[in-house]
Amino acid sequence: MQTQTIWQRMLSIDRRLLYLLLFVNIVVFLLAPIRMPASISPPVQKFYDEIEKLKPGDLVMISSNWSASTLAENQPQLEAVLIHLMRKKARFTFISIEAQSRDISYRLARRVTETTGYEYGKDWAHFGFVPNLTVAIKGMVNDLPSTIKQDVRGTPISQLEVVKGVKSLGQYKMIIDVTPSGTVPIWISYSPKGIPILYCPTSVMAAEAYTYLDSGQIKGMITGAKGAQEYEQLLHIKGLGAPFANAISFSHVLIILFILLGNLAMFMNRVQARREA
């Protein structure tokens, strides 16, 4: 039996082993206490500076439309933003466009706010989910209490102190869209003019948003886990952004290494075959 060369052995590696190595790489960097400094990108700095302008008691609308499939990117974004809003003593309300997004954002907000003494109904609330965001925004602009009749707990909006006296979306000081989908153009098109809009997309959605950012239609942007890592650094907190960004980045490095080694093995194997021929 002919002995295989190292290049032939590399080409015959079971792909399941590669998946296992990738899995181990992700777990290691999720659990390892590695905090590499990140350079702060201009969109993240703009996002931070815009929230810094808020005054105590200002009301912010958070549109949270992500689900479990984009948790690694959107969860650290939302957690860092909530911490910043609470530092500024701003009030906030949530709205979602589907049931899963509603449930995830409500549980996350309840967990984060419990550690700071923020009270549900007084300092923040969740309006549940609306099946049509365009219709909901138009309705909230004209008459918020008639559009959002009750919160996620079934409490009438009129009984929530956080929106006491609020008749329109125009009374909000800021809108923050945390989403993996294309909802930010809807907020830009139908929300009251003059209210700053901030955007937290996944990495794949960020490229098409730079037009809105450059035109000033959105005032800042946190892109994926990498953006969340930068934002955590600005806030001087240890959140999920850094480990998620590390796991994603080093997984990409490992995949590139696999590709390079695979192509090298194929090239060398062909060279050797030609020599033997």
C-alpha atoms as a PDB file:
ATOM      1  CA  MET A   1       0.000   0.000   0.000  1.00  0.00           C
ATOM      2  CA  GLN A   2       1.391   3.365  -1.034  1.00  0.00           C
ATOM      3  CA  THR A   3       2.119   5.776   1.816  1.00  0.00           C
ATOM      4  CA  GLN A   4       0.116   8.985   1.648  1.00  0.00           C
ATOM      5  CA  THR A   5       1.943  12.284   1.626  1.00  0.00           C
ATOM      6  CA  ILE A   6       1.190  14.961   4.187  1.00  0.00           C
ATOM      7  CA  TRP A   7      -0.738  16.889   1.504  1.00  0.00           C
ATOM      8  CA  GLN A   8      -2.900  13.893   0.683  1.00  0.00           C
ATOM      9  CA  ARG A   9      -3.604  13.344   4.368  1.00  0.00           C
ATOM     10  CA  MET A  10      -4.605  17.004   4.736  1.00  0.00           C
ATOM     11  CA  LEU A  11      -7.038  16.694   1.815  1.00  0.00           C
ATOM     12  CA  SER A  12      -8.606  13.578   3.331  1.00  0.00           C
ATOM     13  CA  ILE A  13      -9.312  15.128   6.758  1.00  0.00           C
ATOM     14  CA  ASP A  14     -12.905  14.455   7.835  1.00  0.00           C
ATOM     15  CA  ARG A  15     -14.837  17.740   7.588  1.00  0.00           C
ATOM     16  CA  ARG A  16     -16.511  16.924  10.904  1.00  0.00           C
ATOM     17  CA  LEU A  17     -13.142  17.449  12.565  1.00  0.00           C
ATOM     18  CA  LEU A  18     -13.003  20.957  11.092  1.00  0.00           C
ATOM     19  CA  TYR A  19     -16.467  21.716  12.445  1.00  0.00           C
ATOM     20  CA  LEU A  20     -15.365  20.409  15.853  1.00  0.00           C
ATOM     21  CA  LEU A  21     -12.297  22.682  15.831  1.00  0.00           C
ATOM     22  CA  LEU A  22     -14.514  25.632  14.895  1.00  0.00           C
ATOM     23  CA  PHE A  23     -16.924  24.789  17.716  1.00  0.00           C
ATOM     24  CA  VAL A  24     -14.079  24.540  20.251  1.00  0.00           C
ATOM     25  CA  ASN A  25     -12.687  27.857  19.011  1.00  0.00           C
ATOM     26  CA  ILE A  26     -16.040  29.590  19.578  1.00  0.00           C
ATOM     27  CA  VAL A  27     -16.496  28.132  23.063  1.00  0.00           C
ATOM     28  CA  VAL A  28     -12.959  29.028  24.135  1.00  0.00           C
ATOM     29  CA  PHE A  29     -13.274  32.675  23.091  1.00  0.00           C
ATOM     30  CA  LEU A  30     -16.750  32.967  24.599  1.00  0.00           C
ATOM     31  CA  LEU A  31     -15.493  31.739  27.965  1.00  0.00           C
ATOM     32  CA  ALA A  32     -11.958  33.156  27.976  1.00  0.00           C
ATOM     33  CA  PRO A  33     -11.626  36.491  29.852  1.00  0.00           C
ATOM     34  CA  ILE A  34      -9.976  38.188  26.882  1.00  0.00           C
ATOM     35  CA  ARG A  35     -10.664  41.929  26.580  1.00  0.00           C
ATOM     36  CA  MET A  36      -8.831  43.281  23.588  1.00  0.00           C
ATOM     37  CA  PRO A  37      -9.041  47.068  23.160  1.00  0.00           C
ATOM     38  CA  ALA A  38     -11.114  48.174  20.196  1.00  0.00           C
ATOM     39  CA  SER A  39     -10.758  51.366  18.212  1.00  0.00           C
ATOM     40  CA  ILE A  40     -13.972  53.369  18.409  1.00  0.00           C
ATOM     41  CA  SER A  41     -15.562  53.847  14.983  1.00  0.00           C
ATOM     42  CA  PRO A  42     -17.219  57.209  14.158  1.00  0.00           C
ATOM     43  CA  PRO A  43     -20.799  55.785  13.920  1.00  0.00           C
ATOM     44  CA  VAL A  44     -20.497  54.284  17.429  1.00  0.00           C
ATOM     45  CA  GLN A  45     -19.050  57.516  18.825  1.00  0.00           C
ATOM     46  CA  LYS A  46     -21.933  59.475  17.270  1.00  0.00           C
ATOM     47  CA  PHE A  47     -24.405  57.047  18.825  1.00  0.00           C
ATOM     48  CA  TYR A  48     -22.818  57.539  22.250  1.00  0.00           C
ATOM     49  CA  ASP A  49     -22.682  61.329  21.903  1.00  0.00           C
ATOM     50  CA  GLU A  50     -26.352  61.500  20.909  1.00  0.00           C
ATOM     51  CA  ILE A  51     -27.502  59.626  24.022  1.00  0.00           C
ATOM     52  CA  GLU A  52     -25.242  61.827  26.129  1.00  0.00           C
ATOM     53  CA  LYS A  53     -27.432  64.771  25.071  1.00  0.00           C
ATOM     54  CA  LEU A  54     -30.476  63.290  26.833  1.00  0.00           C
ATOM     55  CA  LYS A  55     -31.714  64.916  30.025  1.00  0.00           C
ATOM     56  CA  PRO A  56     -33.194  63.094  33.048  1.00  0.00           C
ATOM     57  CA  GLY A  57     -36.803  62.180  32.352  1.00  0.00           C
ATOM     58  CA  ASP A  58     -36.517  62.333  28.554  1.00  0.00           C
ATOM     59  CA  LEU A  59     -38.621  59.688  26.823  1.00  0.00           C
ATOM     60  CA  VAL A  60     -37.081  57.258  24.315  1.00  0.00           C
ATOM     61  CA  MET A  61     -38.821  54.771  22.006  1.00  0.00           C
ATOM     62  CA  ILE A  62     -36.915  51.495  21.486  1.00  0.00           C
ATOM     63  CA  SER A  63     -37.969  49.391  18.518  1.00  0.00           C
ATOM     64  CA  SER A  64     -36.666  45.893  19.295  1.00  0.00           C
ATOM     65  CA  ASN A  65     -37.306  43.437  16.473  1.00  0.00           C
ATOM     66  CA  TRP A  66     -34.641  40.768  16.813  1.00  0.00           C
ATOM     67  CA  SER A  67     -35.058  37.140  17.811  1.00  0.00           C
ATOM     68  CA  ALA A  68     -32.898  34.196  18.882  1.00  0.00           C
ATOM     69  CA  SER A  69     -31.231  33.906  15.465  1.00  0.00           C
ATOM     70  CA  THR A  70     -29.378  37.235  15.896  1.00  0.00           C
ATOM     71  CA  LEU A  71     -28.930  37.139  19.664  1.00  0.00           C
ATOM     72  CA  ALA A  72     -25.109  37.220  19.420  1.00  0.00           C
ATOM     73  CA  GLU A  73     -25.236  40.651  17.787  1.00  0.00           C
ATOM     74  CA  ASN A  74     -28.413  42.364  18.951  1.00  0.00           C
ATOM     75  CA  GLN A  75     -28.434  41.329  22.620  1.00  0.00           C
ATOM     76  CA  PRO A  76     -25.119  43.005  23.584  1.00  0.00           C
ATOM     77  CA  GLN A  77     -26.191  46.092  21.616  1.00  0.00           C
ATOM     78  CA  LEU A  78     -29.492  46.405  23.487  1.00  0.00           C
ATOM     79  CA  GLU A  79     -27.993  45.680  26.916  1.00  0.00           C
ATOM     80  CA  ALA A  80     -25.324  48.365  26.498  1.00  0.00           C
ATOM     81  CA  VAL A  81     -27.881  50.902  25.230  1.00  0.00           C
ATOM     82  CA  LEU A  82     -30.205  50.256  28.176  1.00  0.00           C
ATOM     83  CA  ILE A  83     -27.345  50.727  30.642  1.00  0.00           C
ATOM     84  CA  HIS A  84     -26.479  54.049  28.999  1.00  0.00           C
ATOM     85  CA  LEU A  85     -30.105  55.233  29.024  1.00  0.00           C
ATOM     86  CA  MET A  86     -30.444  54.383  32.701  1.00  0.00           C
ATOM     87  CA  ARG A  87     -27.224  56.240  33.503  1.00  0.00           C
ATOM     88  CA  LYS A  88     -28.795  59.288  31.875  1.00  0.00           C
ATOM     89  CA  LYS A  89     -31.982  58.630  33.884  1.00  0.00           C
ATOM     90  CA  ALA A  90     -34.008  58.596  30.689  1.00  0.00           C
ATOM     91  CA  ARG A  91     -37.373  56.840  30.503  1.00  0.00           C
ATOM     92  CA  PHE A  92     -38.057  54.397  27.680  1.00  0.00           C
ATOM     93  CA  THR A  93     -40.764  52.306  26.080  1.00  0.00           C
ATOM     94  CA  PHE A  94     -40.410  49.273  23.825  1.00  0.00           C
ATOM     95  CA  ILE A  95     -42.308  48.192  20.740  1.00  0.00           C
ATOM     96  CA  SER A  96     -41.798  45.081  18.571  1.00  0.00           C
ATOM     97  CA  ILE A  97     -43.188  43.683  15.331  1.00  0.00           C
ATOM     98  CA  GLU A  98     -43.473  40.022  16.327  1.00  0.00           C
ATOM     99  CA  ALA A  99     -44.228  37.931  19.404  1.00  0.00           C
ATOM    100  CA  GLN A 100     -40.753  36.396  19.798  1.00  0.00           C
ATOM    101  CA  SER A 101     -39.073  39.805  19.637  1.00  0.00           C
ATOM    102  CA  ARG A 102     -41.539  41.109  22.201  1.00  0.00           C
ATOM    103  CA  ASP A 103     -40.872  38.289  24.649  1.00  0.00           C
ATOM    104  CA  ILE A 104     -37.065  38.394  24.323  1.00  0.00           C
ATOM    105  CA  SER A 105     -36.784  42.179  24.669  1.00  0.00           C
ATOM    106  CA  TYR A 106     -39.214  42.259  27.589  1.00  0.00           C
ATOM    107  CA  ARG A 107     -37.304  39.586  29.526  1.00  0.00           C
ATOM    108  CA  LEU A 108     -33.963  41.236  28.774  1.00  0.00           C
ATOM    109  CA  ALA A 109     -35.168  44.689  29.829  1.00  0.00           C
ATOM    110  CA  ARG A 110     -36.712  43.309  33.017  1.00  0.00           C
ATOM    111  CA  ARG A 111     -33.430  41.606  33.938  1.00  0.00           C
ATOM    112  CA  VAL A 112     -31.268  44.669  33.214  1.00  0.00           C
ATOM    113  CA  THR A 113     -33.574  47.181  34.914  1.00  0.00           C
ATOM    114  CA  GLU A 114     -33.916  45.128  38.094  1.00  0.00           C
ATOM    115  CA  THR A 115     -30.245  45.721  38.900  1.00  0.00           C
ATOM    116  CA  THR A 116     -30.632  49.508  38.779  1.00  0.00           C
ATOM    117  CA  GLY A 117     -33.947  50.042  40.523  1.00  0.00           C
ATOM    118  CA  TYR A 118     -35.817  51.093  37.382  1.00  0.00           C
ATOM    119  CA  GLU A 119     -39.532  50.431  37.945  1.00  0.00           C
ATOM    120  CA  TYR A 120     -41.806  48.996  35.308  1.00  0.00           C
ATOM    121  CA  GLY A 121     -44.660  51.366  34.527  1.00  0.00           C
ATOM    122  CA  LYS A 122     -42.913  54.318  36.129  1.00  0.00           C
ATOM    123  CA  ASP A 123     -39.538  54.398  34.344  1.00  0.00           C
ATOM    124  CA  TRP A 124     -40.102  52.029  31.447  1.00  0.00           C
ATOM    125  CA  ALA A 125     -42.743  49.939  29.716  1.00  0.00           C
ATOM    126  CA  HIS A 126     -43.227  47.536  26.827  1.00  0.00           C
ATOM    127  CA  PHE A 127     -46.066  48.120  24.361  1.00  0.00           C
ATOM    128  CA  GLY A 128     -45.954  44.534  23.067  1.00  0.00           C
ATOM    129  CA  PHE A 129     -45.881  43.821  19.334  1.00  0.00           C
ATOM    130  CA  VAL A 130     -47.696  45.380  16.405  1.00  0.00           C
ATOM    131  CA  PRO A 131     -48.339  43.405  13.196  1.00  0.00           C
ATOM    132  CA  ASN A 132     -47.822  46.430  10.938  1.00  0.00           C
ATOM    133  CA  LEU A 133     -45.086  48.878  11.959  1.00  0.00           C
ATOM    134  CA  THR A 134     -46.008  51.524   9.373  1.00  0.00           C
ATOM    135  CA  VAL A 135     -49.613  51.689  10.553  1.00  0.00           C
ATOM    136  CA  ALA A 136     -48.487  51.705  14.196  1.00  0.00           C
ATOM    137  CA  ILE A 137     -46.058  54.617  13.699  1.00  0.00           C
ATOM    138  CA  LYS A 138     -48.672  56.665  11.846  1.00  0.00           C
ATOM    139  CA  GLY A 139     -51.144  55.963  14.616  1.00  0.00           C
ATOM    140  CA  MET A 140     -48.710  56.855  17.403  1.00  0.00           C
ATOM    141  CA  VAL A 141     -47.872  60.133  15.676  1.00  0.00           C
ATOM    142  CA  ASN A 142     -51.550  61.136  15.644  1.00  0.00           C
ATOM    143  CA  ASP A 143     -52.834  59.549  18.858  1.00  0.00           C
ATOM    144  CA  LEU A 144     -50.576  57.218  20.845  1.00  0.00           C
ATOM    145  CA  PRO A 145     -53.109  56.164  23.547  1.00  0.00           C
ATOM    146  CA  SER A 146     -55.664  55.176  20.898  1.00  0.00           C
ATOM    147  CA  THR A 147     -53.081  53.222  18.892  1.00  0.00           C
ATOM    148  CA  ILE A 148     -51.398  51.403  21.806  1.00  0.00           C
ATOM    149  CA  LYS A 149     -54.303  50.671  24.076  1.00  0.00           C
ATOM    150  CA  GLN A 150     -52.453  48.430  26.568  1.00  0.00           C
ATOM    151  CA  ASP A 151     -48.951  47.229  27.415  1.00  0.00           C
ATOM    152  CA  VAL A 152     -47.458  43.750  27.322  1.00  0.00           C
ATOM    153  CA  ARG A 153     -48.931  43.027  30.767  1.00  0.00           C
ATOM    154  CA  GLY A 154     -52.431  44.041  29.728  1.00  0.00           C
ATOM    155  CA  THR A 155     -52.349  47.320  31.662  1.00  0.00           C
ATOM    156  CA  PRO A 156     -54.150  50.227  29.947  1.00  0.00           C
ATOM    157  CA  ILE A 157     -51.682  52.805  28.643  1.00  0.00           C
ATOM    158  CA  SER A 158     -53.521  55.534  30.540  1.00  0.00           C
ATOM    159  CA  GLN A 159     -52.437  53.875  33.801  1.00  0.00           C
ATOM    160  CA  LEU A 160     -48.723  53.830  32.984  1.00  0.00           C
ATOM    161  CA  GLU A 161     -46.884  56.689  34.684  1.00  0.00           C
ATOM    162  CA  VAL A 162     -44.022  56.517  32.175  1.00  0.00           C
ATOM    163  CA  VAL A 163     -46.302  57.839  29.398  1.00  0.00           C
ATOM    164  CA  LYS A 164     -48.575  59.982  31.539  1.00  0.00           C
ATOM    165  CA  GLY A 165     -49.624  62.992  29.477  1.00  0.00           C
ATOM    166  CA  VAL A 166     -48.013  61.620  26.311  1.00  0.00           C
ATOM    167  CA  LYS A 167     -50.421  61.977  23.400  1.00  0.00           C
ATOM    168  CA  SER A 168     -48.082  61.560  20.432  1.00  0.00           C
ATOM    169  CA  LEU A 169     -44.822  60.014  19.324  1.00  0.00           C
ATOM    170  CA  GLY A 170     -43.739  63.589  18.679  1.00  0.00           C
ATOM    171  CA  GLN A 171     -43.267  64.036  22.432  1.00  0.00           C
ATOM    172  CA  TYR A 172     -40.443  61.479  22.449  1.00  0.00           C
ATOM    173  CA  LYS A 173     -36.864  62.736  22.408  1.00  0.00           C
ATOM    174  CA  MET A 174     -35.276  59.801  20.568  1.00  0.00           C
ATOM    175  CA  ILE A 175     -35.990  56.608  18.629  1.00  0.00           C
ATOM    176  CA  ILE A 176     -33.615  53.616  18.756  1.00  0.00           C
ATOM    177  CA  ASP A 177     -34.087  50.748  16.292  1.00  0.00           C
ATOM    178  CA  VAL A 178     -32.455  47.439  17.320  1.00  0.00           C
ATOM    179  CA  THR A 179     -33.102  45.034  14.475  1.00  0.00           C
ATOM    180  CA  PRO A 180     -31.711  42.521  11.957  1.00  0.00           C
ATOM    181  CA  SER A 181     -34.312  43.560   9.377  1.00  0.00           C
ATOM    182  CA  GLY A 182     -35.003  46.622   7.259  1.00  0.00           C
ATOM    183  CA  THR A 183     -37.232  48.552   9.654  1.00  0.00           C
ATOM    184  CA  VAL A 184     -35.135  51.713   9.975  1.00  0.00           C
ATOM    185  CA  PRO A 185     -36.368  53.194   6.638  1.00  0.00           C
ATOM    186  CA  ILE A 186     -39.911  52.922   8.017  1.00  0.00           C
ATOM    187  CA  TRP A 187     -38.968  54.894  11.122  1.00  0.00           C
ATOM    188  CA  ILE A 188     -37.181  57.477   8.963  1.00  0.00           C
ATOM    189  CA  SER A 189     -40.178  57.850   6.660  1.00  0.00           C
ATOM    190  CA  TYR A 190     -43.024  58.039   9.162  1.00  0.00           C
ATOM    191  CA  SER A 191     -41.678  59.228  12.522  1.00  0.00           C
ATOM    192  CA  PRO A 192     -42.001  62.931  13.394  1.00  0.00           C
ATOM    193  CA  LYS A 193     -39.306  65.113  11.889  1.00  0.00           C
ATOM    194  CA  GLY A 194     -36.671  66.381  14.271  1.00  0.00           C
ATOM    195  CA  ILE A 195     -36.560  63.307  16.499  1.00  0.00           C
ATOM    196  CA  PRO A 196     -33.070  61.725  16.279  1.00  0.00           C
ATOM    197  CA  ILE A 197     -33.029  58.088  15.163  1.00  0.00           C
ATOM    198  CA  LEU A 198     -30.262  55.718  16.258  1.00  0.00           C
ATOM    199  CA  TYR A 199     -29.698  52.327  14.649  1.00  0.00           C
ATOM    200  CA  CYS A 200     -28.409  48.963  15.932  1.00  0.00           C
ATOM    201  CA  PRO A 201     -28.266  46.562  12.960  1.00  0.00           C
ATOM    202  CA  THR A 202     -26.558  43.234  12.478  1.00  0.00           C
ATOM    203  CA  SER A 203     -23.281  43.354  10.561  1.00  0.00           C
ATOM    204  CA  VAL A 204     -24.812  42.257   7.257  1.00  0.00           C
ATOM    205  CA  MET A 205     -27.424  45.051   7.406  1.00  0.00           C
ATOM    206  CA  ALA A 206     -25.023  47.878   8.230  1.00  0.00           C
ATOM    207  CA  ALA A 207     -23.645  48.557   4.738  1.00  0.00           C
ATOM    208  CA  GLU A 208     -26.940  49.802   3.319  1.00  0.00           C
ATOM    209  CA  ALA A 209     -27.461  52.099   6.329  1.00  0.00           C
ATOM    210  CA  TYR A 210     -24.430  54.320   5.680  1.00  0.00           C
ATOM    211  CA  THR A 211     -26.490  56.351   3.202  1.00  0.00           C
ATOM    212  CA  TYR A 212     -28.873  57.258   6.025  1.00  0.00           C
ATOM    213  CA  LEU A 213     -25.958  57.918   8.361  1.00  0.00           C
ATOM    214  CA  ASP A 214     -24.114  60.182   5.929  1.00  0.00           C
ATOM    215  CA  SER A 215     -27.298  62.138   5.172  1.00  0.00           C
ATOM    216  CA  GLY A 216     -28.039  62.630   8.866  1.00  0.00           C
ATOM    217  CA  GLN A 217     -31.313  60.684   8.738  1.00  0.00           C
ATOM    218  CA  ILE A 218     -29.870  58.463  11.450  1.00  0.00           C
ATOM    219  CA  LYS A 219     -27.553  60.051  13.991  1.00  0.00           C
ATOM    220  CA  GLY A 220     -25.444  57.056  14.997  1.00  0.00           C
ATOM    221  CA  MET A 221     -25.044  53.318  14.512  1.00  0.00           C
ATOM    222  CA  ILE A 222     -23.803  50.319  16.489  1.00  0.00           C
ATOM    223  CA  THR A 223     -22.867  47.573  14.020  1.00  0.00           C
ATOM    224  CA  GLY A 224     -23.193  43.992  15.265  1.00  0.00           C
ATOM    225  CA  ALA A 225     -21.151  42.514  18.093  1.00  0.00           C
ATOM    226  CA  LYS A 226     -18.084  44.539  17.097  1.00  0.00           C
ATOM    227  CA  GLY A 227     -20.019  47.768  17.528  1.00  0.00           C
ATOM    228  CA  ALA A 228     -21.364  46.537  20.866  1.00  0.00           C
ATOM    229  CA  GLN A 229     -17.783  45.847  21.985  1.00  0.00           C
ATOM    230  CA  GLU A 230     -16.810  49.426  21.125  1.00  0.00           C
ATOM    231  CA  TYR A 231     -19.866  50.803  22.927  1.00  0.00           C
ATOM    232  CA  GLU A 232     -19.091  48.783  26.048  1.00  0.00           C
ATOM    233  CA  GLN A 233     -15.604  50.236  25.971  1.00  0.00           C
ATOM    234  CA  LEU A 234     -17.030  53.770  25.867  1.00  0.00           C
ATOM    235  CA  LEU A 235     -19.262  52.924  28.842  1.00  0.00           C
ATOM    236  CA  HIS A 236     -16.426  51.160  30.714  1.00  0.00           C
ATOM    237  CA  ILE A 237     -18.528  48.043  31.265  1.00  0.00           C
ATOM    238  CA  LYS A 238     -17.955  44.328  30.717  1.00  0.00           C
ATOM    239  CA  GLY A 239     -20.786  42.993  28.619  1.00  0.00           C
ATOM    240  CA  LEU A 240     -21.391  40.339  25.984  1.00  0.00           C
ATOM    241  CA  GLY A 241     -20.076  42.426  23.103  1.00  0.00           C
ATOM    242  CA  ALA A 242     -16.381  41.665  23.663  1.00  0.00           C
ATOM    243  CA  PRO A 243     -16.637  37.841  23.983  1.00  0.00           C
ATOM    244  CA  PHE A 244     -19.137  37.614  21.105  1.00  0.00           C
ATOM    245  CA  ALA A 245     -16.941  39.814  18.888  1.00  0.00           C
ATOM    246  CA  ASN A 246     -13.840  37.790  19.815  1.00  0.00           C
ATOM    247  CA  ALA A 247     -15.574  34.483  19.084  1.00  0.00           C
ATOM    248  CA  ILE A 248     -16.807  35.732  15.690  1.00  0.00           C
ATOM    249  CA  SER A 249     -13.473  37.341  14.724  1.00  0.00           C
ATOM    250  CA  PHE A 250     -11.291  34.383  15.651  1.00  0.00           C
ATOM    251  CA  SER A 251     -13.735  31.988  13.981  1.00  0.00           C
ATOM    252  CA  HIS A 252     -13.256  33.964  10.777  1.00  0.00           C
ATOM    253  CA  VAL A 253      -9.481  33.716  11.222  1.00  0.00           C
ATOM    254  CA  LEU A 254      -9.748  29.942  11.688  1.00  0.00           C
ATOM    255  CA  ILE A 255     -11.950  29.553   8.596  1.00  0.00           C
ATOM    256  CA  ILE A 256      -9.478  31.592   6.512  1.00  0.00           C
ATOM    257  CA  LEU A 257      -6.668  29.385   7.832  1.00  0.00           C
ATOM    258  CA  PHE A 258      -8.600  26.258   6.790  1.00  0.00           C
ATOM    259  CA  ILE A 259      -9.088  27.700   3.288  1.00  0.00           C
ATOM    260  CA  LEU A 260      -5.419  28.609   2.905  1.00  0.00           C
ATOM    261  CA  LEU A 261      -4.210  25.216   4.119  1.00  0.00           C
ATOM    262  CA  GLY A 262      -6.720  23.401   1.908  1.00  0.00           C
ATOM    263  CA  ASN A 263      -5.636  25.305  -1.193  1.00  0.00           C
ATOM    264  CA  LEU A 264      -1.958  24.816  -0.324  1.00  0.00           C
ATOM    265  CA  ALA A 265      -2.489  21.073   0.129  1.00  0.00           C
ATOM    266  CA  MET A 266      -4.323  20.835  -3.210  1.00  0.00           C
ATOM    267  CA  PHE A 267      -1.602  22.801  -5.014  1.00  0.00           C
ATOM    268  CA  MET A 268       1.251  20.762  -3.529  1.00  0.00           C
ATOM    269  CA  ASN A 269      -0.578  17.515  -4.226  1.00  0.00           C
ATOM    270  CA  ARG A 270      -0.930  18.468  -7.914  1.00  0.00           C
ATOM    271  CA  VAL A 271       2.748  19.468  -8.102  1.00  0.00           C
ATOM    272  CA  GLN A 272       3.768  16.111  -6.646  1.00  0.00           C
ATOM    273  CA  ALA A 273       1.467  14.210  -9.018  1.00  0.00           C
ATOM    274  CA  ARG A 274       3.033  15.962 -12.023  1.00  0.00           C
ATOM    275  CA  ARG A 275       6.540  15.100 -10.814  1.00  0.00           C
ATOM    276  CA  GLU A 276       5.611  11.443 -10.429  1.00  0.00           C
ATOM    277  CA  ALA A 277       4.020  11.416 -13.889  1.00  0.00           C
END
